[in-house]
């Protein structure tokens, strides 16, 4: 007969949430540090032209 595998420890539900919050905190810290950098500048929004065209409902000739 084959050996049975060793039982694994169950992961607590709170551990996954804690891991996510630690990741988010590090990302927020990284972004704020980039914003406060003397070399940073305000980023232009992407797809500005496409969004402007969406807002046009009729064209006056």
Protein backbone atom coordinates (compact mmCIF):
# COMPACT_ATOMS: atom_id res chain seq x y z
CA UNK A 1 0.00 0.00 0.00
CA UNK A 2 1.14 3.53 -0.76
CA UNK A 3 1.91 5.95 2.01
CA UNK A 4 -0.68 8.58 2.77
CA UNK A 5 0.44 12.21 2.26
CA UNK A 6 1.16 14.26 5.35
CA UNK A 7 -1.75 16.50 6.33
CA UNK A 8 -1.12 20.15 5.53
CA UNK A 9 -1.90 22.98 7.90
CA UNK A 10 -4.97 24.97 6.99
CA UNK A 11 -4.36 28.59 6.12
CA UNK A 12 -6.30 31.07 8.22
CA UNK A 13 -8.81 33.20 6.30
CA UNK A 14 -7.45 36.36 7.89
CA UNK A 15 -3.94 35.65 6.53
CA UNK A 16 -4.95 36.30 2.91
CA UNK A 17 -6.59 39.60 3.81
CA UNK A 18 -3.55 40.63 5.85
CA UNK A 19 -1.26 39.82 2.92
CA UNK A 20 -3.41 42.00 0.63
CA UNK A 21 -3.37 44.96 3.02
CA UNK A 22 0.43 44.76 3.39
CA UNK A 23 0.76 44.76 -0.42
CA UNK A 24 -1.59 47.75 -0.78
CA UNK A 25 0.27 49.68 1.91
CA UNK A 26 3.58 49.14 0.11
CA UNK A 27 2.07 50.24 -3.22
CA UNK A 28 0.59 53.41 -1.68
CA UNK A 29 3.97 54.19 -0.10
CA UNK A 30 5.71 53.67 -3.45
CA UNK A 31 3.27 55.93 -5.32
CA UNK A 32 3.41 58.73 -2.73
CA UNK A 33 7.22 58.60 -2.78
CA UNK A 34 7.14 58.95 -6.57
CA UNK A 35 4.73 61.91 -6.34
CA UNK A 36 6.95 63.67 -3.80
CA UNK A 37 10.05 63.16 -5.94
CA UNK A 38 11.61 66.39 -7.29
CA UNK A 39 11.68 64.80 -10.76
CA UNK A 40 7.99 63.88 -10.84
CA UNK A 41 5.43 65.69 -12.95
CA UNK A 42 1.67 65.42 -13.43
CA UNK A 43 0.85 62.54 -15.77
CA UNK A 44 -1.38 63.25 -18.75
CA UNK A 45 -4.54 61.13 -18.86
CA UNK A 46 -4.44 58.34 -21.43
CA UNK A 47 -6.96 58.13 -24.31
CA UNK A 48 -7.78 61.82 -23.97
CA UNK A 49 -8.73 62.12 -27.67
CA UNK A 50 -11.01 59.07 -27.66
CA UNK A 51 -12.88 60.32 -24.61
CA UNK A 52 -13.33 63.76 -26.20
CA UNK A 53 -14.86 62.15 -29.29
CA UNK A 54 -17.26 60.13 -27.13
CA UNK A 55 -18.64 63.35 -25.65
CA UNK A 56 -19.51 64.78 -29.11
CA UNK A 57 -23.12 64.02 -29.97
CA UNK A 58 -23.52 66.22 -33.05
CA UNK A 59 -21.25 68.24 -35.30
CA UNK A 60 -22.23 71.70 -36.47
CA UNK A 61 -21.39 72.29 -40.14
